[in-house]
C-alpha atoms as a PDB file:
ATOM      1  CA  MET A   1      35.827 -16.501  33.126  1.00  0.00           C
ATOM      2  CA  ASP A   2      37.593 -18.421  35.923  1.00  0.00           C
ATOM      3  CA  VAL A   3      34.910 -19.834  38.234  1.00  0.00           C
ATOM      4  CA  PHE A   4      34.455 -22.798  40.501  1.00  0.00           C
ATOM      5  CA  PRO A   5      32.349 -25.543  38.919  1.00  0.00           C
ATOM      6  CA  PRO A   6      28.617 -25.651  39.670  1.00  0.00           C
ATOM      7  CA  GLY A   7      27.284 -28.203  42.131  1.00  0.00           C
ATOM      8  CA  TYR A   8      25.466 -29.681  39.150  1.00  0.00           C
ATOM      9  CA  VAL A   9      24.007 -28.508  35.839  1.00  0.00           C
ATOM     10  CA  SER A  10      20.331 -28.761  35.112  1.00  0.00           C
ATOM     11  CA  ALA A  11      17.346 -27.179  33.515  1.00  0.00           C
ATOM     12  CA  ILE A  12      14.372 -26.773  35.826  1.00  0.00           C
ATOM     13  CA  ASP A  13      10.641 -27.215  35.667  1.00  0.00           C
ATOM     14  CA  PRO A  14       9.198 -23.630  36.053  1.00  0.00           C
ATOM     15  CA  THR A  15       5.914 -24.949  37.340  1.00  0.00           C
ATOM     16  CA  ILE A  16       7.515 -25.974  40.675  1.00  0.00           C
ATOM     17  CA  THR A  17       8.057 -22.888  42.728  1.00  0.00           C
ATOM     18  CA  ASP A  18       8.793 -24.587  46.045  1.00  0.00           C
ATOM     19  CA  ALA A  19      11.080 -27.632  45.809  1.00  0.00           C
ATOM     20  CA  CYS A  20      10.709 -28.119  49.616  1.00  0.00           C
ATOM     21  CA  ASP A  21       7.019 -28.865  49.106  1.00  0.00           C
ATOM     22  CA  GLU A  22       6.868 -32.649  49.622  1.00  0.00           C
ATOM     23  CA  ASP A  23       3.794 -33.047  47.378  1.00  0.00           C
ATOM     24  CA  ALA A  24       5.591 -31.286  44.567  1.00  0.00           C
ATOM     25  CA  GLU A  25       8.749 -33.336  45.170  1.00  0.00           C
ATOM     26  CA  ASN A  26       6.802 -36.571  45.178  1.00  0.00           C
ATOM     27  CA  ALA A  27       4.946 -35.709  41.986  1.00  0.00           C
ATOM     28  CA  LYS A  28       8.031 -34.836  39.906  1.00  0.00           C
ATOM     29  CA  SER A  29      11.494 -33.405  40.348  1.00  0.00           C
ATOM     30  CA  ILE A  30      12.128 -29.735  39.742  1.00  0.00           C
ATOM     31  CA  ASP A  31      15.255 -30.768  37.849  1.00  0.00           C
ATOM     32  CA  LEU A  32      14.881 -31.779  34.160  1.00  0.00           C
ATOM     33  CA  GLY A  33      18.585 -32.599  33.624  1.00  0.00           C
ATOM     34  CA  THR A  34      21.173 -33.222  32.649  1.00  0.00           C
ATOM     35  CA  GLY A  35      22.479 -33.238  36.246  1.00  0.00           C
ATOM     36  CA  TRP A  36      26.233 -33.697  35.780  1.00  0.00           C
ATOM     37  CA  ALA A  37      28.050 -32.738  38.932  1.00  0.00           C
ATOM     38  CA  TRP A  38      31.154 -30.862  39.994  1.00  0.00           C
ATOM     39  CA  GLY A  39      33.055 -34.127  40.334  1.00  0.00           C
ATOM     40  CA  SER A  40      32.599 -34.898  36.639  1.00  0.00           C
ATOM     41  CA  LEU A  41      33.339 -31.311  35.541  1.00  0.00           C
ATOM     42  CA  ILE A  42      36.808 -31.331  37.174  1.00  0.00           C
ATOM     43  CA  LEU A  43      37.963 -34.585  35.615  1.00  0.00           C
ATOM     44  CA  PRO A  44      40.331 -32.865  33.156  1.00  0.00           C
ATOM     45  CA  PHE A  45      42.111 -31.209  36.108  1.00  0.00           C
ATOM     46  CA  MET A  46      42.550 -34.630  37.756  1.00  0.00           C
ATOM     47  CA  GLU A  47      44.368 -36.213  34.763  1.00  0.00           C
ATOM     48  CA  GLN A  48      41.166 -38.065  33.900  1.00  0.00           C
ATOM     49  CA  GLN A  49      40.650 -36.636  30.422  1.00  0.00           C
ATOM     50  CA  ASN A  50      39.714 -40.077  29.014  1.00  0.00           C
ATOM     51  CA  VAL A  51      36.831 -40.448  31.487  1.00  0.00           C
ATOM     52  CA  TYR A  52      35.715 -36.877  30.808  1.00  0.00           C
ATOM     53  CA  ALA A  53      35.732 -37.512  27.051  1.00  0.00           C
ATOM     54  CA  ALA A  54      33.592 -40.628  27.526  1.00  0.00           C
ATOM     55  CA  ILE A  55      30.737 -38.541  29.020  1.00  0.00           C
ATOM     56  CA  ASN A  56      28.011 -37.273  26.725  1.00  0.00           C
ATOM     57  CA  PHE A  57      27.148 -34.130  28.673  1.00  0.00           C
ATOM     58  CA  ASN A  58      24.029 -33.586  26.491  1.00  0.00           C
ATOM     59  CA  LEU A  59      22.462 -36.708  28.027  1.00  0.00           C
ATOM     60  CA  SER A  60      21.746 -37.428  31.663  1.00  0.00           C
ATOM     61  CA  VAL A  61      23.681 -40.028  33.660  1.00  0.00           C
ATOM     62  CA  ALA A  62      20.828 -42.507  33.217  1.00  0.00           C
ATOM     63  CA  TYR A  63      21.536 -43.113  29.516  1.00  0.00           C
ATOM     64  CA  LYS A  64      23.420 -46.285  28.670  1.00  0.00           C
ATOM     65  CA  ALA A  65      25.745 -44.239  26.519  1.00  0.00           C
ATOM     66  CA  ASN A  66      27.132 -42.795  29.777  1.00  0.00           C
ATOM     67  CA  ASP A  67      27.365 -46.080  31.709  1.00  0.00           C
ATOM     68  CA  THR A  68      31.063 -46.562  31.086  1.00  0.00           C
ATOM     69  CA  ALA A  69      32.075 -43.220  32.570  1.00  0.00           C
ATOM     70  CA  SER A  70      29.417 -43.179  35.376  1.00  0.00           C
ATOM     71  CA  THR A  71      30.455 -46.557  36.780  1.00  0.00           C
ATOM     72  CA  VAL A  72      34.268 -46.269  36.580  1.00  0.00           C
ATOM     73  CA  VAL A  73      36.013 -46.577  39.939  1.00  0.00           C
ATOM     74  CA  MET A  74      37.646 -43.299  40.776  1.00  0.00           C
ATOM     75  CA  SER A  75      40.117 -43.796  43.628  1.00  0.00           C
ATOM     76  CA  ALA A  76      40.643 -40.041  44.080  1.00  0.00           C
ATOM     77  CA  HIS A  77      37.025 -39.735  45.076  1.00  0.00           C
ATOM     78  CA  LEU A  78      37.190 -42.586  47.680  1.00  0.00           C
ATOM     79  CA  CYS A  79      38.475 -42.486  51.226  1.00  0.00           C
ATOM     80  CA  PRO A  80      40.659 -45.538  52.093  1.00  0.00           C
ATOM     81  CA  SER A  81      39.097 -45.629  55.554  1.00  0.00           C
ATOM     82  CA  ASP A  82      35.618 -46.301  54.169  1.00  0.00           C
ATOM     83  CA  PRO A  83      35.537 -49.588  52.315  1.00  0.00           C
ATOM     84  CA  GLY A  84      32.310 -50.170  50.429  1.00  0.00           C
ATOM     85  CA  PRO A  85      30.804 -51.098  47.075  1.00  0.00           C
ATOM     86  CA  SER A  86      32.331 -49.537  44.007  1.00  0.00           C
ATOM     87  CA  VAL A  87      28.927 -48.928  42.396  1.00  0.00           C
ATOM     88  CA  ILE A  88      25.849 -47.714  44.289  1.00  0.00           C
ATOM     89  CA  PRO A  89      22.127 -47.806  43.599  1.00  0.00           C
ATOM     90  CA  VAL A  90      19.931 -44.755  43.138  1.00  0.00           C
ATOM     91  CA  TYR A  91      16.330 -45.409  44.095  1.00  0.00           C
ATOM     92  CA  ALA A  92      12.976 -44.084  42.971  1.00  0.00           C
ATOM     93  CA  ASP A  93      10.551 -42.286  45.213  1.00  0.00           C
ATOM     94  CA  PRO A  94       8.661 -43.054  47.366  1.00  0.00           C
ATOM     95  CA  PRO A  95      10.953 -44.674  49.938  1.00  0.00           C
ATOM     96  CA  ASP A  96       9.697 -47.337  52.344  1.00  0.00           C
ATOM     97  CA  PRO A  97       6.714 -45.721  54.143  1.00  0.00           C
ATOM     98  CA  THR A  98       7.082 -47.974  57.156  1.00  0.00           C
ATOM     99  CA  ALA A  99      10.601 -46.808  57.775  1.00  0.00           C
ATOM    100  CA  PRO A 100      11.156 -43.122  56.929  1.00  0.00           C
ATOM    101  CA  GLY A 101      14.666 -42.394  55.821  1.00  0.00           C
ATOM    102  CA  SER A 102      15.214 -45.875  54.466  1.00  0.00           C
ATOM    103  CA  ILE A 103      14.676 -47.609  51.142  1.00  0.00           C
ATOM    104  CA  GLY A 104      12.318 -50.518  50.743  1.00  0.00           C
ATOM    105  CA  ASN A 105      13.349 -53.692  48.969  1.00  0.00           C
ATOM    106  CA  THR A 106      10.554 -53.190  46.436  1.00  0.00           C
ATOM    107  CA  ASN A 107      11.719 -49.802  45.339  1.00  0.00           C
ATOM    108  CA  LEU A 108      12.744 -49.355  41.740  1.00  0.00           C
ATOM    109  CA  ILE A 109      16.395 -48.639  41.058  1.00  0.00           C
ATOM    110  CA  VAL A 110      16.747 -45.577  38.833  1.00  0.00           C
ATOM    111  CA  ASP A 111      20.427 -46.069  38.141  1.00  0.00           C
ATOM    112  CA  ARG A 112      23.720 -47.439  39.406  1.00  0.00           C
ATOM    113  CA  LEU A 113      26.598 -44.991  39.768  1.00  0.00           C
ATOM    114  CA  SER A 114      30.227 -44.917  40.803  1.00  0.00           C
ATOM    115  CA  ARG A 115      30.574 -44.417  44.598  1.00  0.00           C
ATOM    116  CA  GLY A 116      32.379 -41.464  46.102  1.00  0.00           C
ATOM    117  CA  ASN A 117      33.095 -40.086  49.553  1.00  0.00           C
ATOM    118  CA  TYR A 118      33.149 -36.355  49.013  1.00  0.00           C
ATOM    119  CA  VAL A 119      30.294 -33.880  48.643  1.00  0.00           C
ATOM    120  CA  GLY A 120      30.326 -30.158  47.844  1.00  0.00           C
ATOM    121  CA  MET A 121      29.312 -27.628  50.493  1.00  0.00           C
ATOM    122  CA  TRP A 122      25.946 -26.150  49.677  1.00  0.00           C
ATOM    123  CA  GLY A 123      25.425 -23.799  52.599  1.00  0.00           C
ATOM    124  CA  LEU A 124      22.998 -23.819  55.557  1.00  0.00           C
ATOM    125  CA  GLY A 125      19.736 -25.665  55.956  1.00  0.00           C
ATOM    126  CA  GLU A 126      17.836 -27.934  53.563  1.00  0.00           C
ATOM    127  CA  ILE A 127      19.270 -28.157  50.065  1.00  0.00           C
ATOM    128  CA  CYS A 128      15.796 -27.788  48.630  1.00  0.00           C
ATOM    129  CA  GLY A 129      15.581 -24.296  50.113  1.00  0.00           C
ATOM    130  CA  GLY A 130      15.750 -21.673  47.447  1.00  0.00           C
ATOM    131  CA  SER A 131      15.616 -24.324  44.727  1.00  0.00           C
ATOM    132  CA  GLY A 132      12.154 -23.443  43.392  1.00  0.00           C
ATOM    133  CA  ALA A 133      11.763 -21.917  39.983  1.00  0.00           C
ATOM    134  CA  SER A 134      10.669 -18.541  41.410  1.00  0.00           C
ATOM    135  CA  SER A 135      11.170 -18.921  45.169  1.00  0.00           C
ATOM    136  CA  THR A 136      13.607 -17.028  47.333  1.00  0.00           C
ATOM    137  CA  PRO A 137      15.856 -18.686  49.940  1.00  0.00           C
ATOM    138  CA  SER A 138      13.683 -19.733  52.892  1.00  0.00           C
ATOM    139  CA  GLU A 139      16.416 -19.294  55.498  1.00  0.00           C
ATOM    140  CA  PRO A 140      19.530 -17.121  55.888  1.00  0.00           C
ATOM    141  CA  GLY A 141      22.419 -19.116  54.496  1.00  0.00           C
ATOM    142  CA  ASN A 142      20.620 -20.936  51.745  1.00  0.00           C
ATOM    143  CA  LEU A 143      22.717 -20.791  48.620  1.00  0.00           C
ATOM    144  CA  ALA A 144      25.652 -19.360  50.586  1.00  0.00           C
ATOM    145  CA  GLY A 145      28.026 -22.269  50.085  1.00  0.00           C
ATOM    146  CA  MET A 146      30.449 -22.961  47.267  1.00  0.00           C
ATOM    147  CA  PHE A 147      28.160 -25.247  45.211  1.00  0.00           C
ATOM    148  CA  GLN A 148      24.609 -24.974  43.989  1.00  0.00           C
ATOM    149  CA  ARG A 149      22.673 -25.875  40.845  1.00  0.00           C
ATOM    150  CA  ASN A 150      24.155 -23.932  37.840  1.00  0.00           C
ATOM    151  CA  SER A 151      26.337 -21.801  40.155  1.00  0.00           C
ATOM    152  CA  LYS A 152      29.266 -19.816  38.748  1.00  0.00           C
ATOM    153  CA  ILE A 153      31.108 -18.603  41.862  1.00  0.00           C
ATOM    154  CA  ASN A 154      34.462 -16.923  41.383  1.00  0.00           C
ATOM    155  CA  VAL A 155      37.109 -16.089  43.958  1.00  0.00           C
ATOM    156  CA  ALA A 156      35.694 -12.547  44.319  1.00  0.00           C
ATOM    157  CA  GLY A 157      32.387 -14.113  45.430  1.00  0.00           C
ATOM    158  CA  VAL A 158      34.132 -15.806  48.410  1.00  0.00           C
ATOM    159  CA  THR A 159      34.267 -12.615  50.466  1.00  0.00           C
ATOM    160  CA  ASP A 160      34.928 -14.528  53.713  1.00  0.00           C
ATOM    161  CA  GLY A 161      38.216 -15.697  52.161  1.00  0.00           C
ATOM    162  CA  THR A 162      39.008 -18.941  50.446  1.00  0.00           C
ATOM    163  CA  SER A 163      41.076 -20.109  53.453  1.00  0.00           C
ATOM    164  CA  ASN A 164      38.030 -19.735  55.656  1.00  0.00           C
ATOM    165  CA  THR A 165      35.442 -21.457  53.413  1.00  0.00           C
ATOM    166  CA  ILE A 166      34.726 -25.161  52.993  1.00  0.00           C
ATOM    167  CA  ALA A 167      34.471 -26.393  49.416  1.00  0.00           C
ATOM    168  CA  VAL A 168      34.168 -30.175  49.848  1.00  0.00           C
ATOM    169  CA  GLY A 169      33.868 -32.586  52.757  1.00  0.00           C
ATOM    170  CA  GLU A 170      33.580 -36.241  53.649  1.00  0.00           C
ATOM    171  CA  ARG A 171      30.497 -38.440  53.920  1.00  0.00           C
ATOM    172  CA  SER A 172      31.184 -42.135  54.550  1.00  0.00           C
ATOM    173  CA  HIS A 173      28.810 -44.694  53.137  1.00  0.00           C
ATOM    174  CA  ASN A 174      27.570 -45.939  56.498  1.00  0.00           C
ATOM    175  CA  LEU A 175      25.453 -42.765  56.601  1.00  0.00           C
ATOM    176  CA  SER A 176      24.323 -42.541  52.985  1.00  0.00           C
ATOM    177  CA  TYR A 177      25.739 -43.027  49.549  1.00  0.00           C
ATOM    178  CA  VAL A 178      27.738 -40.421  47.589  1.00  0.00           C
ATOM    179  CA  THR A 179      28.558 -40.258  43.924  1.00  0.00           C
ATOM    180  CA  TRP A 180      30.990 -37.952  42.164  1.00  0.00           C
ATOM    181  CA  THR A 181      29.193 -38.368  38.810  1.00  0.00           C
ATOM    182  CA  ALA A 182      25.842 -36.608  38.708  1.00  0.00           C
ATOM    183  CA  ARG A 183      22.547 -35.777  40.343  1.00  0.00           C
ATOM    184  CA  ALA A 184      20.368 -38.591  38.999  1.00  0.00           C
ATOM    185  CA  ILE A 185      17.159 -37.024  37.759  1.00  0.00           C
ATOM    186  CA  GLY A 186      14.170 -38.475  39.539  1.00  0.00           C
ATOM    187  CA  GLY A 187      16.367 -40.321  42.027  1.00  0.00           C
ATOM    188  CA  TRP A 188      16.139 -40.311  45.813  1.00  0.00           C
ATOM    189  CA  LEU A 189      18.641 -40.862  48.648  1.00  0.00           C
ATOM    190  CA  GLY A 190      17.827 -42.659  51.907  1.00  0.00           C
ATOM    191  CA  LYS A 191      20.181 -43.776  54.636  1.00  0.00           C
ATOM    192  CA  THR A 192      22.284 -46.866  53.933  1.00  0.00           C
ATOM    193  CA  SER A 193      20.618 -50.055  55.047  1.00  0.00           C
ATOM    194  CA  ALA A 194      22.259 -52.199  57.768  1.00  0.00           C
ATOM    195  CA  THR A 195      22.772 -54.983  55.287  1.00  0.00           C
ATOM    196  CA  GLU A 196      24.867 -52.643  53.164  1.00  0.00           C
ATOM    197  CA  GLY A 197      26.981 -51.382  56.077  1.00  0.00           C
ATOM    198  CA  GLY A 198      24.716 -48.645  57.380  1.00  0.00           C
ATOM    199  CA  THR A 199      25.170 -47.705  61.021  1.00  0.00           C
ATOM    200  CA  ASP A 200      23.046 -44.568  61.356  1.00  0.00           C
ATOM    201  CA  LYS A 201      20.219 -44.975  63.895  1.00  0.00           C
ATOM    202  CA  TYR A 202      18.379 -41.785  63.022  1.00  0.00           C
ATOM    203  CA  ASN A 203      15.423 -41.854  60.611  1.00  0.00           C
ATOM    204  CA  PRO A 204      15.194 -38.580  58.715  1.00  0.00           C
ATOM    205  CA  GLU A 205      13.047 -38.278  55.655  1.00  0.00           C
ATOM    206  CA  PRO A 206      14.870 -39.137  52.451  1.00  0.00           C
ATOM    207  CA  GLU A 207      16.120 -36.430  50.129  1.00  0.00           C
ATOM    208  CA  GLU A 208      16.196 -35.968  46.407  1.00  0.00           C
ATOM    209  CA  CYS A 209      19.567 -37.188  45.248  1.00  0.00           C
ATOM    210  CA  TRP A 210      21.080 -33.742  44.804  1.00  0.00           C
ATOM    211  CA  THR A 211      22.199 -34.714  48.303  1.00  0.00           C
ATOM    212  CA  GLN A 212      24.389 -37.415  46.803  1.00  0.00           C
ATOM    213  CA  ILE A 213      26.711 -34.730  45.421  1.00  0.00           C
ATOM    214  CA  MET A 214      26.232 -31.858  47.918  1.00  0.00           C
ATOM    215  CA  GLY A 215      25.694 -31.435  51.616  1.00  0.00           C
ATOM    216  CA  PRO A 216      24.718 -28.597  53.981  1.00  0.00           C
ATOM    217  CA  ALA A 217      25.626 -27.510  57.454  1.00  0.00           C
ATOM    218  CA  GLY A 218      22.338 -28.813  58.940  1.00  0.00           C
ATOM    219  CA  LEU A 219      20.121 -26.597  61.047  1.00  0.00           C
ATOM    220  CA  GLU A 220      17.061 -28.765  61.525  1.00  0.00           C
ATOM    221  CA  ASN A 221      16.831 -30.909  64.664  1.00  0.00           C
ATOM    222  CA  GLY A 222      19.442 -28.735  66.281  1.00  0.00           C
ATOM    223  CA  ALA A 223      22.660 -27.414  64.730  1.00  0.00           C
ATOM    224  CA  ARG A 224      24.067 -30.645  63.358  1.00  0.00           C
ATOM    225  CA  THR A 225      27.878 -30.698  63.003  1.00  0.00           C
ATOM    226  CA  ILE A 226      30.267 -33.446  61.825  1.00  0.00           C
ATOM    227  CA  ASN A 227      29.446 -37.030  62.858  1.00  0.00           C
ATOM    228  CA  ASN A 228      26.333 -35.828  64.658  1.00  0.00           C
ATOM    229  CA  PRO A 229      24.265 -38.512  66.404  1.00  0.00           C
ATOM    230  CA  THR A 230      21.094 -37.162  64.731  1.00  0.00           C
ATOM    231  CA  ALA A 231      22.705 -36.822  61.278  1.00  0.00           C
ATOM    232  CA  HIS A 232      20.448 -36.596  58.280  1.00  0.00           C
ATOM    233  CA  VAL A 233      21.294 -38.465  55.091  1.00  0.00           C
ATOM    234  CA  GLU A 234      22.799 -35.283  53.591  1.00  0.00           C
ATOM    235  CA  ASP A 235      25.224 -34.503  56.355  1.00  0.00           C
ATOM    236  CA  TYR A 236      28.983 -34.893  56.778  1.00  0.00           C
ATOM    237  CA  TRP A 237      30.418 -38.043  58.339  1.00  0.00           C
ATOM    238  CA  SER A 238      33.632 -40.084  58.259  1.00  0.00           C
ATOM    239  CA  ARG A 239      35.147 -43.296  59.524  1.00  0.00           C
ATOM    240  CA  HIS A 240      38.015 -41.305  61.101  1.00  0.00           C
ATOM    241  CA  PRO A 241      38.008 -41.062  64.879  1.00  0.00           C
ATOM    242  CA  GLY A 242      36.926 -37.581  66.063  1.00  0.00           C
ATOM    243  CA  GLY A 243      36.153 -35.793  62.840  1.00  0.00           C
ATOM    244  CA  ALA A 244      36.440 -35.612  59.046  1.00  0.00           C
ATOM    245  CA  ASN A 245      38.618 -34.180  56.326  1.00  0.00           C
ATOM    246  CA  PHE A 246      37.562 -31.063  54.380  1.00  0.00           C
ATOM    247  CA  LEU A 247      38.901 -29.350  51.310  1.00  0.00           C
ATOM    248  CA  PHE A 248      38.828 -25.592  51.565  1.00  0.00           C
ATOM    249  CA  ALA A 249      38.320 -23.209  48.656  1.00  0.00           C
ATOM    250  CA  ASP A 250      42.015 -22.263  48.645  1.00  0.00           C
ATOM    251  CA  GLY A 251      42.981 -25.909  48.041  1.00  0.00           C
ATOM    252  CA  SER A 252      44.106 -26.638  51.599  1.00  0.00           C
ATOM    253  CA  VAL A 253      42.854 -29.723  53.466  1.00  0.00           C
ATOM    254  CA  HIS A 254      41.875 -29.578  57.154  1.00  0.00           C
ATOM    255  CA  PHE A 255      40.739 -32.234  59.604  1.00  0.00           C
ATOM    256  CA  LEU A 256      37.794 -30.698  61.440  1.00  0.00           C
ATOM    257  CA  LYS A 257      36.904 -32.136  64.788  1.00  0.00           C
ATOM    258  CA  GLU A 258      33.397 -33.360  65.442  1.00  0.00           C
ATOM    259  CA  SER A 259      33.500 -31.200  68.574  1.00  0.00           C
ATOM    260  CA  ILE A 260      33.717 -28.041  66.431  1.00  0.00           C
ATOM    261  CA  SER A 261      31.634 -25.138  67.600  1.00  0.00           C
ATOM    262  CA  PRO A 262      28.343 -24.946  65.679  1.00  0.00           C
ATOM    263  CA  ILE A 263      28.960 -21.260  65.165  1.00  0.00           C
ATOM    264  CA  ILE A 264      32.400 -21.886  63.576  1.00  0.00           C
ATOM    265  CA  TRP A 265      30.949 -24.779  61.603  1.00  0.00           C
ATOM    266  CA  ARG A 266      28.267 -22.567  60.067  1.00  0.00           C
ATOM    267  CA  ALA A 267      30.811 -19.816  59.391  1.00  0.00           C
ATOM    268  CA  LEU A 268      33.050 -22.200  57.467  1.00  0.00           C
ATOM    269  CA  ALA A 269      30.091 -23.487  55.483  1.00  0.00           C
ATOM    270  CA  THR A 270      29.266 -20.088  54.106  1.00  0.00           C
ATOM    271  CA  ARG A 271      31.409 -17.971  51.740  1.00  0.00           C
ATOM    272  CA  ASN A 272      29.980 -14.447  52.181  1.00  0.00           C
ATOM    273  CA  PHE A 273      28.607 -13.944  55.716  1.00  0.00           C
ATOM    274  CA  GLY A 274      31.436 -11.783  56.965  1.00  0.00           C
ATOM    275  CA  GLU A 275      32.342 -13.740  60.054  1.00  0.00           C
ATOM    276  CA  VAL A 276      35.752 -13.282  61.725  1.00  0.00           C
ATOM    277  CA  ILE A 277      37.352 -16.665  62.288  1.00  0.00           C
ATOM    278  CA  SER A 278      40.677 -17.175  64.036  1.00  0.00           C
ATOM    279  CA  ALA A 279      43.057 -19.791  62.690  1.00  0.00           C
ATOM    280  CA  ASP A 280      43.023 -21.733  65.886  1.00  0.00           C
ATOM    281  CA  SER A 281      39.217 -22.051  66.039  1.00  0.00           C
ATOM    282  CA  PHE A 282      39.133 -25.040  63.783  1.00  0.00           C
END
């Protein structure tokens, strides 16, 4: 069956029914692994068969057997306008309690992974929404993007049209770190520290590192669009003046302005909401 790759692949802990419950998140991740992401699954289609063959997909990214593949520099996943480290750290929870949204120097490093700049579009709202073992989406739009855990979305499932639906977009490392490799099980993502080139002034709570491979069209703290001053660590951001580049589900690339209407932004983030979008609206 011809489908788009999943956001990432993982078994889940059935005892966690609400992955947005911070107590549950802090105790243990709902994801059991392996966690390999869409960026790894498309390697054969990027003429990177050797890297793909080096991955043991039966083991998580944390295993040393996968270090060679998970730390290789992949130029196709990097934006030339965003210079940064080639390998990024993944931290353990809890983050620095004195500075929400950041990572303390004493935090354990779960893994080090190859850096990227592109995250899959998850939908609307918090990525944890609808991620519980038996929960339903907490907001309209949850799970309505092109990528989720274990998703198998085909073209027929993109009823808004592939030319009107975002698949992948930019996040530069000054906001938070991206990896194309995998969702590191047990890892957390905070905003990039100033010493590592971080420029974001907002202090949202950190997110489980499924946000290192996917991003939503944010709804909390106002309808956050591209390069928003109150961006959360999971949002879309670029070093380009005025906006960011996005890959649509039909394979086309569009530069979306940061002044985009929040209504159009949300419509492009979802694949099956039935909105009518004119070609000149974005």
